[in-house]
N, C-alpha and C. Protein backbone atom coordinates (compact mmCIF):
# COMPACT_ATOMS: atom_id res chain seq x y z
N UNK A 1 -32.70 -99.16 -19.11
CA UNK A 1 -33.37 -97.87 -19.19
C UNK A 1 -33.46 -97.37 -20.62
N UNK A 2 -32.52 -97.79 -21.47
CA UNK A 2 -32.50 -97.26 -22.82
C UNK A 2 -33.69 -97.73 -23.66
N UNK A 3 -34.42 -98.76 -23.25
CA UNK A 3 -35.56 -99.21 -24.04
C UNK A 3 -36.85 -98.47 -23.70
N UNK A 4 -36.83 -97.65 -22.65
CA UNK A 4 -38.02 -96.88 -22.26
C UNK A 4 -37.95 -95.49 -22.85
N UNK A 5 -39.06 -95.04 -23.42
CA UNK A 5 -39.14 -93.69 -23.99
C UNK A 5 -39.12 -92.66 -22.86
N UNK A 6 -38.64 -91.45 -23.15
CA UNK A 6 -38.62 -90.41 -22.11
C UNK A 6 -40.02 -90.06 -21.58
N UNK A 7 -41.06 -90.28 -22.39
CA UNK A 7 -42.42 -89.98 -21.95
C UNK A 7 -43.19 -91.26 -21.63
N UNK A 8 -42.49 -92.25 -21.11
CA UNK A 8 -43.07 -93.53 -20.72
C UNK A 8 -44.19 -93.32 -19.70
N UNK A 9 -45.29 -94.03 -19.87
CA UNK A 9 -46.41 -93.95 -18.93
C UNK A 9 -46.53 -95.28 -18.21
N UNK A 10 -46.54 -95.21 -16.89
CA UNK A 10 -46.62 -96.40 -16.05
C UNK A 10 -48.06 -96.56 -15.58
N UNK A 11 -48.62 -97.74 -15.80
CA UNK A 11 -49.97 -98.05 -15.35
C UNK A 11 -49.84 -99.10 -14.24
N UNK A 12 -50.19 -98.74 -13.03
CA UNK A 12 -50.05 -99.66 -11.91
C UNK A 12 -51.18 -99.52 -10.92
N UNK A 13 -51.04 -100.16 -9.77
CA UNK A 13 -52.10 -100.13 -8.76
C UNK A 13 -52.49 -98.73 -8.32
N UNK A 14 -51.55 -97.79 -8.38
CA UNK A 14 -51.84 -96.42 -7.93
C UNK A 14 -52.30 -95.52 -9.08
N UNK A 15 -52.53 -96.09 -10.26
CA UNK A 15 -53.01 -95.31 -11.39
C UNK A 15 -51.96 -95.18 -12.48
N UNK A 16 -52.20 -94.25 -13.39
CA UNK A 16 -51.31 -94.02 -14.52
C UNK A 16 -50.54 -92.74 -14.28
N UNK A 17 -49.23 -92.78 -14.57
CA UNK A 17 -48.43 -91.57 -14.39
C UNK A 17 -47.26 -91.57 -15.38
N UNK A 18 -46.82 -90.36 -15.70
CA UNK A 18 -45.63 -90.21 -16.50
C UNK A 18 -44.46 -90.66 -15.64
N UNK A 19 -43.56 -91.42 -16.21
CA UNK A 19 -42.50 -92.03 -15.42
C UNK A 19 -41.16 -91.84 -16.13
N UNK A 20 -40.20 -91.24 -15.44
CA UNK A 20 -38.87 -91.10 -16.02
C UNK A 20 -38.17 -92.46 -15.99
N UNK A 21 -37.14 -92.60 -16.78
CA UNK A 21 -36.36 -93.84 -16.78
C UNK A 21 -35.78 -94.10 -15.40
N UNK A 22 -35.29 -93.07 -14.76
CA UNK A 22 -34.69 -93.22 -13.43
C UNK A 22 -35.73 -93.64 -12.40
N UNK A 23 -36.93 -93.06 -12.49
CA UNK A 23 -38.00 -93.41 -11.55
C UNK A 23 -38.43 -94.86 -11.74
N UNK A 24 -38.51 -95.30 -12.98
CA UNK A 24 -38.89 -96.69 -13.20
C UNK A 24 -37.80 -97.64 -12.72
N UNK A 25 -36.53 -97.28 -12.92
CA UNK A 25 -35.43 -98.12 -12.44
C UNK A 25 -35.49 -98.24 -10.92
N UNK A 26 -35.77 -97.14 -10.23
CA UNK A 26 -35.89 -97.18 -8.77
C UNK A 26 -37.07 -98.06 -8.35
N UNK A 27 -38.19 -97.95 -9.05
CA UNK A 27 -39.35 -98.79 -8.77
C UNK A 27 -39.01 -100.27 -8.95
N UNK A 28 -38.34 -100.60 -10.05
CA UNK A 28 -37.99 -102.00 -10.32
C UNK A 28 -37.04 -102.54 -9.25
N UNK A 29 -36.06 -101.75 -8.84
CA UNK A 29 -35.14 -102.20 -7.79
C UNK A 29 -35.88 -102.42 -6.47
N UNK A 30 -36.83 -101.54 -6.15
CA UNK A 30 -37.63 -101.70 -4.94
C UNK A 30 -38.49 -102.95 -5.01
N UNK A 31 -39.05 -103.20 -6.16
CA UNK A 31 -39.87 -104.40 -6.36
C UNK A 31 -39.04 -105.67 -6.16
N UNK A 32 -37.84 -105.68 -6.73
CA UNK A 32 -36.97 -106.84 -6.58
C UNK A 32 -36.48 -107.01 -5.14
N UNK A 33 -36.34 -105.91 -4.40
CA UNK A 33 -35.97 -106.01 -2.98
C UNK A 33 -37.11 -106.61 -2.18
N UNK A 34 -38.35 -106.25 -2.53
CA UNK A 34 -39.51 -106.77 -1.82
C UNK A 34 -39.82 -108.21 -2.20
N UNK A 35 -39.56 -108.58 -3.44
CA UNK A 35 -39.83 -109.93 -3.94
C UNK A 35 -38.54 -110.52 -4.51
N UNK A 36 -37.63 -110.99 -3.64
CA UNK A 36 -36.32 -111.43 -4.12
C UNK A 36 -36.36 -112.63 -5.07
N UNK A 37 -37.43 -113.40 -5.04
CA UNK A 37 -37.54 -114.56 -5.94
C UNK A 37 -38.48 -114.26 -7.11
N UNK A 38 -38.63 -113.00 -7.45
CA UNK A 38 -39.58 -112.57 -8.47
C UNK A 38 -39.34 -113.26 -9.81
N UNK A 39 -40.44 -113.65 -10.43
CA UNK A 39 -40.42 -114.20 -11.79
C UNK A 39 -41.47 -113.43 -12.58
N UNK A 40 -41.06 -112.82 -13.66
CA UNK A 40 -41.95 -112.01 -14.49
C UNK A 40 -42.35 -112.82 -15.71
N UNK A 41 -43.66 -112.83 -15.98
CA UNK A 41 -44.18 -113.53 -17.15
C UNK A 41 -44.91 -112.53 -18.04
N UNK A 42 -44.51 -112.46 -19.28
CA UNK A 42 -45.17 -111.59 -20.24
C UNK A 42 -46.51 -112.22 -20.61
N UNK A 43 -47.59 -111.49 -20.36
CA UNK A 43 -48.93 -111.99 -20.65
C UNK A 43 -49.38 -111.62 -22.07
N UNK A 44 -49.07 -110.39 -22.47
CA UNK A 44 -49.54 -109.91 -23.77
C UNK A 44 -48.73 -108.69 -24.17
N UNK A 45 -48.49 -108.54 -25.44
CA UNK A 45 -47.82 -107.34 -25.97
C UNK A 45 -48.44 -106.98 -27.30
N UNK A 46 -48.58 -105.70 -27.55
CA UNK A 46 -49.09 -105.24 -28.84
C UNK A 46 -48.42 -103.91 -29.16
N UNK A 47 -48.37 -103.60 -30.45
CA UNK A 47 -47.73 -102.35 -30.86
C UNK A 47 -48.47 -101.76 -32.05
N UNK A 48 -48.32 -100.46 -32.15
CA UNK A 48 -48.84 -99.73 -33.30
C UNK A 48 -47.93 -98.52 -33.49
N UNK A 49 -47.42 -98.38 -34.68
CA UNK A 49 -46.48 -97.30 -35.00
C UNK A 49 -45.31 -97.34 -34.01
N UNK A 50 -45.12 -96.26 -33.25
CA UNK A 50 -43.99 -96.22 -32.32
C UNK A 50 -44.42 -96.45 -30.87
N UNK A 51 -45.57 -97.08 -30.66
CA UNK A 51 -46.07 -97.32 -29.30
C UNK A 51 -46.20 -98.81 -29.04
N UNK A 52 -45.90 -99.18 -27.82
CA UNK A 52 -45.98 -100.59 -27.40
C UNK A 52 -46.67 -100.64 -26.05
N UNK A 53 -47.54 -101.61 -25.88
CA UNK A 53 -48.17 -101.85 -24.59
C UNK A 53 -47.92 -103.31 -24.22
N UNK A 54 -47.63 -103.55 -22.95
CA UNK A 54 -47.43 -104.91 -22.48
C UNK A 54 -48.21 -105.13 -21.20
N UNK A 55 -48.64 -106.34 -21.01
CA UNK A 55 -49.24 -106.76 -19.74
C UNK A 55 -48.39 -107.90 -19.23
N UNK A 56 -47.91 -107.76 -17.99
CA UNK A 56 -47.05 -108.77 -17.42
C UNK A 56 -47.54 -109.14 -16.03
N UNK A 57 -47.10 -110.28 -15.56
CA UNK A 57 -47.48 -110.77 -14.23
C UNK A 57 -46.20 -111.10 -13.49
N UNK A 58 -46.13 -110.63 -12.26
CA UNK A 58 -44.99 -110.94 -11.40
C UNK A 58 -45.45 -111.90 -10.32
N UNK A 59 -44.74 -113.00 -10.19
CA UNK A 59 -45.03 -113.96 -9.13
C UNK A 59 -43.81 -114.04 -8.24
N UNK A 60 -44.02 -114.04 -6.93
CA UNK A 60 -42.91 -114.14 -6.00
C UNK A 60 -43.39 -114.07 -4.57
N UNK A 61 -42.46 -114.25 -3.68
CA UNK A 61 -42.74 -114.22 -2.24
C UNK A 61 -42.37 -112.85 -1.70
N UNK A 62 -43.33 -112.19 -1.04
CA UNK A 62 -43.06 -110.88 -0.45
C UNK A 62 -42.22 -111.11 0.80
N UNK A 63 -40.92 -110.90 0.67
CA UNK A 63 -39.99 -111.28 1.72
C UNK A 63 -39.02 -110.15 2.03
N UNK A 64 -39.34 -108.92 1.65
CA UNK A 64 -38.44 -107.82 1.87
C UNK A 64 -39.20 -106.55 2.17
N UNK A 65 -38.51 -105.42 2.19
CA UNK A 65 -39.16 -104.14 2.49
C UNK A 65 -40.09 -103.72 1.34
N UNK A 66 -41.01 -102.84 1.67
CA UNK A 66 -41.88 -102.26 0.64
C UNK A 66 -43.24 -102.90 0.59
N UNK A 67 -44.19 -102.10 0.14
CA UNK A 67 -45.57 -102.56 -0.03
C UNK A 67 -45.94 -102.37 -1.48
N UNK A 68 -46.39 -103.41 -2.13
CA UNK A 68 -46.75 -103.33 -3.53
C UNK A 68 -48.07 -104.00 -3.77
């Protein structure tokens, strides 16, 4: 959680939203519960000044609770 800024913006299937560190941690735990064999691959990263954007891909088997 310490690597995420307090004003972190999450861009996902449901749109873009301001995301607290705690909310993102809960999202990540839910994602790992739904995809227990998840493998994350970094597709692209770029930065300018104090901002960073990344595009990543998660591959796994949907074998748990949750819809993503």
